[in-house]
Amino acid sequence: MKRLLMIMVVVFLTFSHGALFGGDHLENVTLTELISHTQMSSKDDRSVRMVWWLPEEFWVISMRNNPAMNQEYIEEFSAVISGYTIFLVLDGTISPLGTINYAPFEETMNNLVLSTENMVRHLPLPRNAISSDLKMTLDMFKPVFSNMMGSMGQNIQYAVFRGEQDESLFSVLDSTNFTITIHDEVFRFNLPLVCFLPQKWCNACEKQFQGDYNFCPYHGIELIIKKSGQ
């Protein structure tokens, strides 16, 4: 337990300083890039809603470049989050007078659904179905967000999902889409996350494009992935 607490302190320090991710498909991906593809906010002017997916890569790679962490600690922490799909959620509405009213935890969870492309619906796990180590890990977010964001941070909740075979529902490199619905508002996530895909190259205009492009928008020719040394 003490070692897990130490790991969490290091994770939050790394998270706060926006460390670079490294290794495998995570090389050269920054924390800012990852958040831009996993955090979504409401487009409704009357709502203050946010959904933030925390894939396993967020946690593990946040520790990888920190000299205080060794492989044993990383593997121990990976075991805590393994098999879970985790989201941070904010659910608020703006009154006619401009004040923000945040929904209680139970109301948010009762009106939150994760849906896959093939229309399979998943509900958040009840708290007694989440491991004690994971609950402690997520609960440590609360004072961090409270200090950073005041009342808004205090009202950020976590929603946790798990597959029928005790596995996580998605990977950042999966070729699928899913949605999170809070009340009647839908947040759509497209996979694979483009920040983890290699850049592509157009031989005609010699320009680079993000990895989810298949054809050059200017010339219509198929883009290629340049290999090292090309």
Protein backbone atom coordinates (compact mmCIF):
# COMPACT_ATOMS: atom_id res chain seq x y z
CA MET A 1 0.00 0.00 0.00
CA LYS A 2 2.79 2.46 0.88
CA ARG A 3 4.58 1.69 -2.37
CA LEU A 4 1.39 2.26 -4.36
CA LEU A 5 0.95 5.63 -2.65
CA MET A 6 4.51 6.55 -3.60
CA ILE A 7 3.83 5.54 -7.19
CA MET A 8 0.74 7.75 -7.26
CA VAL A 9 2.69 10.76 -5.99
CA VAL A 10 5.21 10.31 -8.80
CA VAL A 11 2.43 9.89 -11.36
CA PHE A 12 0.82 13.16 -10.31
CA LEU A 13 4.13 15.01 -10.37
CA THR A 14 4.81 13.69 -13.86
CA PHE A 15 1.25 14.46 -14.96
CA SER A 16 1.49 18.02 -13.68
CA HIS A 17 4.66 18.70 -15.65
CA GLY A 18 3.46 17.24 -18.94
CA ALA A 19 6.23 14.71 -19.53
CA LEU A 20 6.92 13.33 -22.98
CA PHE A 21 5.75 9.82 -23.62
CA GLY A 22 8.21 7.40 -25.13
CA GLY A 23 8.58 3.94 -26.54
CA ASP A 24 6.77 1.81 -29.13
CA HIS A 25 3.70 3.57 -30.61
CA LEU A 26 3.97 6.23 -27.86
CA GLU A 27 7.23 7.76 -29.04
CA ASN A 28 7.11 11.56 -29.39
CA VAL A 29 3.49 11.80 -28.20
CA THR A 30 3.08 14.64 -25.71
CA LEU A 31 0.64 14.79 -22.85
CA THR A 32 -1.04 17.77 -24.52
CA GLU A 33 -1.61 15.78 -27.72
CA LEU A 34 -3.04 12.82 -25.84
CA ILE A 35 -5.44 14.99 -23.84
CA SER A 36 -6.63 16.77 -26.99
CA HIS A 37 -7.91 13.43 -28.31
CA THR A 38 -9.24 11.94 -25.06
CA GLN A 39 -10.88 14.94 -23.35
CA MET A 40 -14.15 16.35 -24.69
CA SER A 41 -16.32 19.22 -23.49
CA SER A 42 -19.97 20.08 -23.97
CA LYS A 43 -20.99 22.15 -27.00
CA ASP A 44 -24.21 23.17 -25.23
CA ASP A 45 -23.97 26.70 -23.82
CA ARG A 46 -26.30 25.67 -20.99
CA SER A 47 -24.09 22.80 -19.83
CA VAL A 48 -20.72 22.38 -18.19
CA ARG A 49 -19.91 18.80 -19.09
CA MET A 50 -16.62 17.06 -19.69
CA VAL A 51 -15.64 13.48 -20.49
CA TRP A 52 -11.99 12.47 -20.25
CA TRP A 53 -10.87 8.98 -21.20
CA LEU A 54 -7.79 7.78 -19.32
CA PRO A 55 -6.40 4.87 -21.36
CA GLU A 56 -3.70 2.66 -19.90
CA GLU A 57 -1.09 4.54 -21.95
CA PHE A 58 -1.85 7.72 -20.03
CA TRP A 59 -0.88 6.17 -16.72
CA VAL A 60 1.99 3.91 -17.69
CA ILE A 61 3.82 6.25 -20.03
CA SER A 62 3.43 9.17 -17.62
CA MET A 63 5.79 7.26 -15.35
CA ARG A 64 8.19 5.91 -17.94
CA ASN A 65 10.50 8.93 -18.25
CA ASN A 66 10.61 9.62 -14.52
CA PRO A 67 13.90 8.49 -12.94
CA ALA A 68 12.10 7.73 -9.67
CA MET A 69 10.18 4.93 -11.34
CA ASN A 70 11.60 1.53 -12.22
CA GLN A 71 10.07 -1.27 -14.26
CA GLU A 72 8.85 -3.10 -11.17
CA TYR A 73 6.84 -0.10 -10.01
CA ILE A 74 5.40 0.46 -13.49
CA GLU A 75 4.31 -3.18 -13.72
CA GLU A 76 2.74 -3.04 -10.25
CA PHE A 77 0.75 0.04 -11.17
CA SER A 78 -0.23 -1.47 -14.52
CA ALA A 79 -1.72 -4.43 -12.65
CA VAL A 80 -3.96 -2.03 -10.67
CA ILE A 81 -5.51 -0.43 -13.76
CA SER A 82 -5.40 -3.47 -16.02
CA GLY A 83 -8.77 -4.59 -17.35
CA TYR A 84 -10.57 -1.33 -16.58
CA THR A 85 -11.75 1.44 -18.91
CA ILE A 86 -11.66 4.69 -16.95
CA PHE A 87 -13.22 8.10 -17.54
CA LEU A 88 -13.28 11.33 -15.56
CA VAL A 89 -16.66 13.04 -15.84
CA LEU A 90 -18.01 16.50 -15.05
CA ASP A 91 -21.79 17.02 -15.18
CA GLY A 92 -23.09 20.53 -14.61
CA THR A 93 -25.77 22.88 -15.92
CA ILE A 94 -25.83 26.69 -15.98
CA SER A 95 -28.80 28.40 -14.35
CA PRO A 96 -30.50 31.48 -15.85
CA LEU A 97 -28.53 33.55 -13.33
CA GLY A 98 -25.22 32.10 -14.50
CA THR A 99 -24.46 29.82 -11.56
CA ILE A 100 -23.29 26.26 -12.20
CA ASN A 101 -25.27 23.44 -10.63
CA TYR A 102 -23.41 20.14 -10.54
CA ALA A 103 -25.34 16.88 -10.57
CA PRO A 104 -24.82 14.51 -7.62
CA PHE A 105 -22.66 11.46 -8.30
CA GLU A 106 -25.58 9.01 -8.32
CA GLU A 107 -27.56 11.12 -10.80
CA THR A 108 -24.61 11.35 -13.19
CA MET A 109 -23.86 7.62 -13.06
CA ASN A 110 -27.53 6.73 -13.53
CA ASN A 111 -27.64 8.82 -16.69
CA LEU A 112 -24.30 7.78 -18.19
CA VAL A 113 -23.98 5.08 -20.87
CA LEU A 114 -21.07 3.88 -22.98
CA SER A 115 -22.14 2.54 -26.39
CA THR A 116 -20.04 0.72 -28.96
CA GLU A 117 -20.34 0.83 -32.75
CA ASN A 118 -22.34 -2.40 -32.73
CA MET A 119 -24.82 -0.84 -30.28
CA VAL A 120 -23.65 -2.73 -27.18
CA ARG A 121 -24.39 -0.62 -24.10
CA HIS A 122 -22.22 -0.59 -20.98
CA LEU A 123 -23.12 0.96 -17.63
CA PRO A 124 -20.56 2.23 -15.10
CA LEU A 125 -19.43 -0.31 -12.54
CA PRO A 126 -20.84 0.13 -9.03
CA ARG A 127 -18.18 1.17 -6.55
CA ASN A 128 -18.18 -2.24 -4.83
CA ALA A 129 -17.16 -3.85 -8.15
CA ILE A 130 -13.96 -1.78 -8.41
CA SER A 131 -10.78 -2.95 -6.70
CA SER A 132 -9.76 -1.07 -3.56
CA ASP A 133 -6.39 -0.14 -5.08
CA LEU A 134 -8.02 1.41 -8.13
CA LYS A 135 -10.55 3.30 -6.00
CA MET A 136 -7.70 4.72 -3.92
CA THR A 137 -5.82 5.69 -7.07
CA LEU A 138 -8.79 7.54 -8.55
CA ASP A 139 -9.77 9.14 -5.24
CA MET A 140 -6.34 10.77 -5.16
CA PHE A 141 -7.37 12.82 -8.17
CA LYS A 142 -10.02 14.64 -6.14
CA PRO A 143 -7.78 16.93 -4.05
CA VAL A 144 -5.52 17.56 -7.06
CA PHE A 145 -8.41 18.78 -9.20
CA SER A 146 -9.94 20.64 -6.27
CA ASN A 147 -6.73 22.60 -5.73
CA MET A 148 -6.34 23.30 -9.44
CA MET A 149 -9.97 24.07 -10.36
CA GLY A 150 -11.88 24.88 -7.17
CA SER A 151 -15.57 23.94 -7.17
CA MET A 152 -15.37 22.51 -10.69
CA GLY A 153 -12.53 20.22 -9.66
CA GLN A 154 -14.41 19.07 -6.57
CA ASN A 155 -17.26 17.85 -8.78
CA ILE A 156 -15.23 15.76 -11.20
CA GLN A 157 -16.29 12.12 -10.84
CA TYR A 158 -14.87 8.90 -12.25
CA ALA A 159 -16.78 6.31 -14.23
CA VAL A 160 -15.23 2.85 -14.58
CA PHE A 161 -16.20 0.13 -17.07
CA ARG A 162 -15.13 -3.45 -17.66
CA GLY A 163 -15.85 -6.09 -20.30
CA GLU A 164 -17.64 -9.36 -19.67
CA GLN A 165 -14.31 -11.21 -19.51
CA ASP A 166 -12.82 -8.69 -17.04
CA GLU A 167 -10.96 -6.91 -19.81
CA SER A 168 -10.77 -3.25 -20.81
CA LEU A 169 -13.21 -2.29 -23.54
CA PHE A 170 -10.88 -0.41 -25.86
CA SER A 171 -7.28 0.22 -26.83
CA VAL A 172 -5.92 3.46 -28.28
CA LEU A 173 -5.04 1.53 -31.47
CA ASP A 174 -8.39 -0.22 -31.94
CA SER A 175 -10.18 0.40 -35.23
CA THR A 176 -13.58 1.26 -33.82
CA ASN A 177 -15.60 4.14 -32.38
CA PHE A 178 -17.59 4.53 -29.19
CA THR A 179 -19.73 7.13 -27.49
CA ILE A 180 -20.35 8.31 -23.95
CA THR A 181 -23.84 9.70 -23.35
CA ILE A 182 -24.58 11.86 -20.31
CA HIS A 183 -28.29 12.58 -20.06
CA ASP A 184 -29.07 13.49 -23.70
CA GLU A 185 -25.62 14.72 -24.74
CA VAL A 186 -23.37 12.42 -26.78
CA PHE A 187 -19.55 12.49 -26.82
CA ARG A 188 -18.00 10.53 -29.69
CA PHE A 189 -14.51 9.00 -29.58
CA ASN A 190 -12.85 7.85 -32.81
CA LEU A 191 -10.23 5.11 -32.74
CA PRO A 192 -7.41 4.60 -33.32
CA LEU A 193 -6.29 7.82 -31.64
CA VAL A 194 -4.58 9.80 -34.37
CA CYS A 195 -1.75 10.98 -32.10
CA PHE A 196 -0.46 7.39 -31.95
CA LEU A 197 -0.44 6.87 -35.71
CA PRO A 198 2.70 7.51 -37.78
CA GLN A 199 2.72 10.61 -39.95
CA LYS A 200 2.08 10.10 -43.65
CA TRP A 201 3.80 11.67 -46.63
CA CYS A 202 2.72 12.89 -50.06
CA ASN A 203 5.35 12.32 -52.74
CA ALA A 204 3.75 14.95 -54.99
CA CYS A 205 3.73 17.99 -52.69
CA GLU A 206 6.24 16.61 -50.17
CA LYS A 207 3.99 17.48 -47.25
CA GLN A 208 3.26 15.51 -44.10
CA PHE A 209 -0.25 14.69 -42.94
CA GLN A 210 -1.61 13.17 -39.75
CA GLY A 211 -1.87 9.41 -39.62
CA ASP A 212 -5.61 9.07 -40.26
CA TYR A 213 -5.26 10.59 -43.75
CA ASN A 214 -5.15 8.02 -46.56
CA PHE A 215 -4.97 10.34 -49.56
CA CYS A 216 -3.43 13.76 -50.17
CA PRO A 217 -6.22 16.37 -49.99
CA TYR A 218 -4.45 18.42 -52.70
CA HIS A 219 -3.40 15.77 -55.22
CA GLY A 220 -5.63 12.79 -54.44
CA ILE A 221 -2.75 10.34 -54.45
CA GLU A 222 -2.31 7.71 -51.75
CA LEU A 223 -0.13 8.79 -48.87
CA ILE A 224 2.78 6.70 -47.65
CA ILE A 225 4.52 6.13 -44.33
CA LYS A 226 8.15 7.07 -44.64
CA LYS A 227 10.57 4.58 -43.17
CA SER A 228 13.60 5.69 -41.20
CA GLY A 229 16.33 6.90 -43.53
CA GLN A 230 14.06 7.60 -46.48
